[in-house]
Amino acid sequence: MALQVRASRGVVDNAAAARAAVRAGAAFLLGMAAIAAATGLPGRLAAVVIIGGVVVHTIGELWHTAASFELSFGLAPAHAQGQYSGLHATGIGVASSLAPSVLALFCITWGIPGWLALGGVFLLAGLVLPYAVRWAERARAAAAGPDAAPAWT
């Protein structure tokens, strides 16, 4: 919480949010890989590696949150900010309710490969997001017509 403002600095538009999402995906993969790497290590070393993984994962969460909130407003048409904000909040709720089961399946049931696979899913999501953002911006511009003002004015 103390680092949220610093982590979100520079996330001022959709493109910056997409870049933050890529960084978040990479941090999630690195953090999860570190946690997986703790398997079989002596206790104290395992604890240090897990703490390091949690710190990296937390940095990813900070970047993800900055990107998520910027995009929830930045991609929404001016007349539908409330609806988009509500859908964003619903997505957070759904993710929070599914997370324990997904984590149990990947990380507990599958062990090291599960940690790495889930980290890979997060990385892939981060890598795909810039393309999705550009598509959304092009679709919105096409729907607005050639005489519409850019979204950032």
Protein backbone atom coordinates (compact mmCIF):
# COMPACT_ATOMS: atom_id res chain seq x y z
CA MET A 1 0.00 0.00 0.00
CA ALA A 2 2.82 2.39 0.82
CA LEU A 3 4.36 1.95 -2.62
CA GLN A 4 1.17 2.17 -4.72
CA VAL A 5 1.66 5.83 -5.66
CA ARG A 6 5.28 5.25 -6.64
CA ALA A 7 4.40 2.11 -8.62
CA SER A 8 1.63 3.89 -10.50
CA ARG A 9 3.72 6.94 -11.34
CA GLY A 10 3.83 7.30 -15.11
CA VAL A 11 0.72 5.19 -15.70
CA VAL A 12 -1.18 8.13 -17.15
CA ASP A 13 -2.77 6.71 -20.29
CA ASN A 14 -3.78 3.44 -21.91
CA ALA A 15 -0.38 2.82 -23.53
CA ALA A 16 1.45 3.33 -20.22
CA ALA A 17 -1.04 1.05 -18.50
CA ALA A 18 -0.40 -1.65 -21.10
CA ARG A 19 3.35 -1.36 -20.52
CA ALA A 20 2.77 -1.64 -16.76
CA ALA A 21 0.73 -4.79 -17.37
CA VAL A 22 3.64 -6.33 -19.29
CA ARG A 23 5.96 -5.52 -16.38
CA ALA A 24 3.40 -6.98 -13.97
CA GLY A 25 3.19 -10.23 -15.94
CA ALA A 26 6.97 -10.57 -15.92
CA ALA A 27 7.11 -9.87 -12.19
CA PHE A 28 4.39 -12.46 -11.52
CA LEU A 29 6.33 -15.09 -13.45
CA LEU A 30 9.61 -14.23 -11.69
CA GLY A 31 7.97 -14.19 -8.27
CA MET A 32 6.24 -17.51 -8.84
CA ALA A 33 9.41 -19.05 -10.25
CA ALA A 34 11.29 -17.95 -7.13
CA ILE A 35 8.65 -19.49 -4.87
CA ALA A 36 8.79 -22.71 -6.89
CA ALA A 37 12.60 -22.70 -6.68
CA ALA A 38 12.37 -22.86 -2.89
CA THR A 39 11.27 -26.49 -3.11
CA GLY A 40 13.85 -28.77 -1.57
CA LEU A 41 16.06 -25.97 -0.22
CA PRO A 42 17.11 -25.93 3.43
CA GLY A 43 14.57 -24.15 5.63
CA ARG A 44 16.22 -20.77 6.11
CA LEU A 45 17.32 -20.49 2.50
CA ALA A 46 13.86 -21.55 1.35
CA ALA A 47 12.34 -18.83 3.54
CA VAL A 48 14.62 -16.18 2.02
CA VAL A 49 13.82 -17.33 -1.52
CA ILE A 50 10.07 -17.38 -0.79
CA ILE A 51 10.20 -13.90 0.75
CA GLY A 52 12.09 -12.66 -2.30
CA GLY A 53 9.46 -14.22 -4.55
CA VAL A 54 6.66 -12.64 -2.55
CA VAL A 55 8.34 -9.22 -2.79
CA VAL A 56 8.69 -9.53 -6.57
CA HIS A 57 5.10 -10.78 -6.86
CA THR A 58 3.90 -7.84 -4.76
CA ILE A 59 5.67 -5.41 -7.09
CA GLY A 60 3.81 -7.11 -9.93
CA GLU A 61 0.53 -6.63 -8.08
CA LEU A 62 1.27 -2.92 -7.67
CA TRP A 63 1.93 -2.55 -11.42
CA HIS A 64 -1.11 -4.66 -12.26
CA THR A 65 -3.37 -2.56 -10.06
CA ALA A 66 -2.12 0.67 -11.61
CA ALA A 67 -2.66 -0.72 -15.11
CA SER A 68 -6.05 -2.18 -14.26
CA PHE A 69 -7.50 1.00 -12.82
CA GLU A 70 -6.10 3.22 -15.57
CA LEU A 71 -7.57 0.97 -18.25
CA SER A 72 -10.92 0.68 -16.47
CA PHE A 73 -11.34 4.43 -16.90
CA GLY A 74 -9.17 5.07 -19.95
CA LEU A 75 -10.98 2.63 -22.22
CA ALA A 76 -14.46 3.55 -21.05
CA PRO A 77 -16.48 6.00 -23.12
CA ALA A 78 -17.25 9.21 -21.23
CA HIS A 79 -20.97 8.39 -21.08
CA ALA A 80 -20.38 4.90 -19.63
CA GLN A 81 -17.76 5.41 -16.91
CA GLY A 82 -20.08 4.02 -14.24
CA GLN A 83 -20.96 0.90 -16.20
CA TYR A 84 -17.33 0.17 -17.02
CA SER A 85 -16.32 0.80 -13.41
CA GLY A 86 -19.03 -1.60 -12.24
CA LEU A 87 -17.88 -4.28 -14.66
CA HIS A 88 -14.29 -3.77 -13.51
CA ALA A 89 -15.35 -4.25 -9.89
CA THR A 90 -17.32 -7.37 -10.85
CA GLY A 91 -14.23 -8.79 -12.54
CA ILE A 92 -12.21 -8.21 -9.38
CA GLY A 93 -14.87 -10.02 -7.36
CA VAL A 94 -14.98 -12.98 -9.74
CA ALA A 95 -11.18 -13.22 -9.74
CA SER A 96 -11.10 -13.11 -5.95
CA SER A 97 -13.65 -15.90 -5.69
CA LEU A 98 -11.90 -18.13 -8.22
CA ALA A 99 -8.33 -17.49 -7.04
CA PRO A 100 -8.24 -20.03 -4.18
CA SER A 101 -9.36 -22.88 -6.44
CA VAL A 102 -7.02 -21.89 -9.27
CA LEU A 103 -4.08 -21.56 -6.90
CA ALA A 104 -4.87 -24.89 -5.27
CA LEU A 105 -5.03 -26.60 -8.66
CA PHE A 106 -1.89 -25.07 -10.11
CA CYS A 107 0.38 -24.52 -7.14
CA ILE A 108 -0.58 -27.23 -4.68
CA THR A 109 -1.75 -30.04 -6.95
CA TRP A 110 0.84 -29.59 -9.71
CA GLY A 111 3.74 -28.26 -7.61
CA ILE A 112 6.68 -26.63 -9.39
CA PRO A 113 5.25 -27.05 -12.91
CA GLY A 114 2.00 -25.51 -11.67
CA TRP A 115 3.77 -22.46 -10.23
CA LEU A 116 5.61 -21.96 -13.51
CA ALA A 117 2.51 -22.57 -15.64
CA LEU A 118 0.44 -20.06 -13.66
CA GLY A 119 3.28 -17.55 -13.86
CA GLY A 120 3.36 -18.17 -17.60
CA VAL A 121 -0.38 -17.50 -17.83
CA PHE A 122 0.13 -14.16 -16.07
CA LEU A 123 3.06 -13.30 -18.33
CA LEU A 124 1.05 -14.19 -21.43
CA ALA A 125 -1.85 -12.05 -20.24
CA GLY A 126 0.52 -9.12 -19.71
CA LEU A 127 2.10 -9.58 -23.14
CA VAL A 128 -1.27 -9.74 -24.90
CA LEU A 129 -2.70 -6.67 -23.17
CA PRO A 130 -0.93 -4.00 -25.28
CA TYR A 131 -2.43 -5.56 -28.41
CA ALA A 132 -5.88 -5.66 -26.82
CA VAL A 133 -5.58 -2.01 -25.76
CA ARG A 134 -4.56 -0.92 -29.26
CA TRP A 135 -7.46 -2.90 -30.74
CA ALA A 136 -9.90 -1.30 -28.28
CA GLU A 137 -8.61 2.18 -29.07
CA ARG A 138 -8.88 1.57 -32.84
CA ALA A 139 -12.39 0.16 -32.48
CA ARG A 140 -13.49 3.11 -30.39
CA ALA A 141 -11.98 5.57 -32.87
CA ALA A 142 -13.67 3.80 -35.80
CA ALA A 143 -17.03 3.84 -34.03
CA ALA A 144 -16.68 7.55 -33.21
CA GLY A 145 -16.12 8.48 -36.84
CA PRO A 146 -13.46 10.54 -38.59
CA ASP A 147 -14.48 13.90 -37.08
CA ALA A 148 -14.40 12.78 -33.43
CA ALA A 149 -11.87 14.31 -31.07
CA PRO A 150 -9.16 11.97 -29.72
CA ALA A 151 -9.96 10.37 -26.38
CA TRP A 152 -7.12 12.19 -24.62
CA THR A 153 -8.44 15.72 -25.27
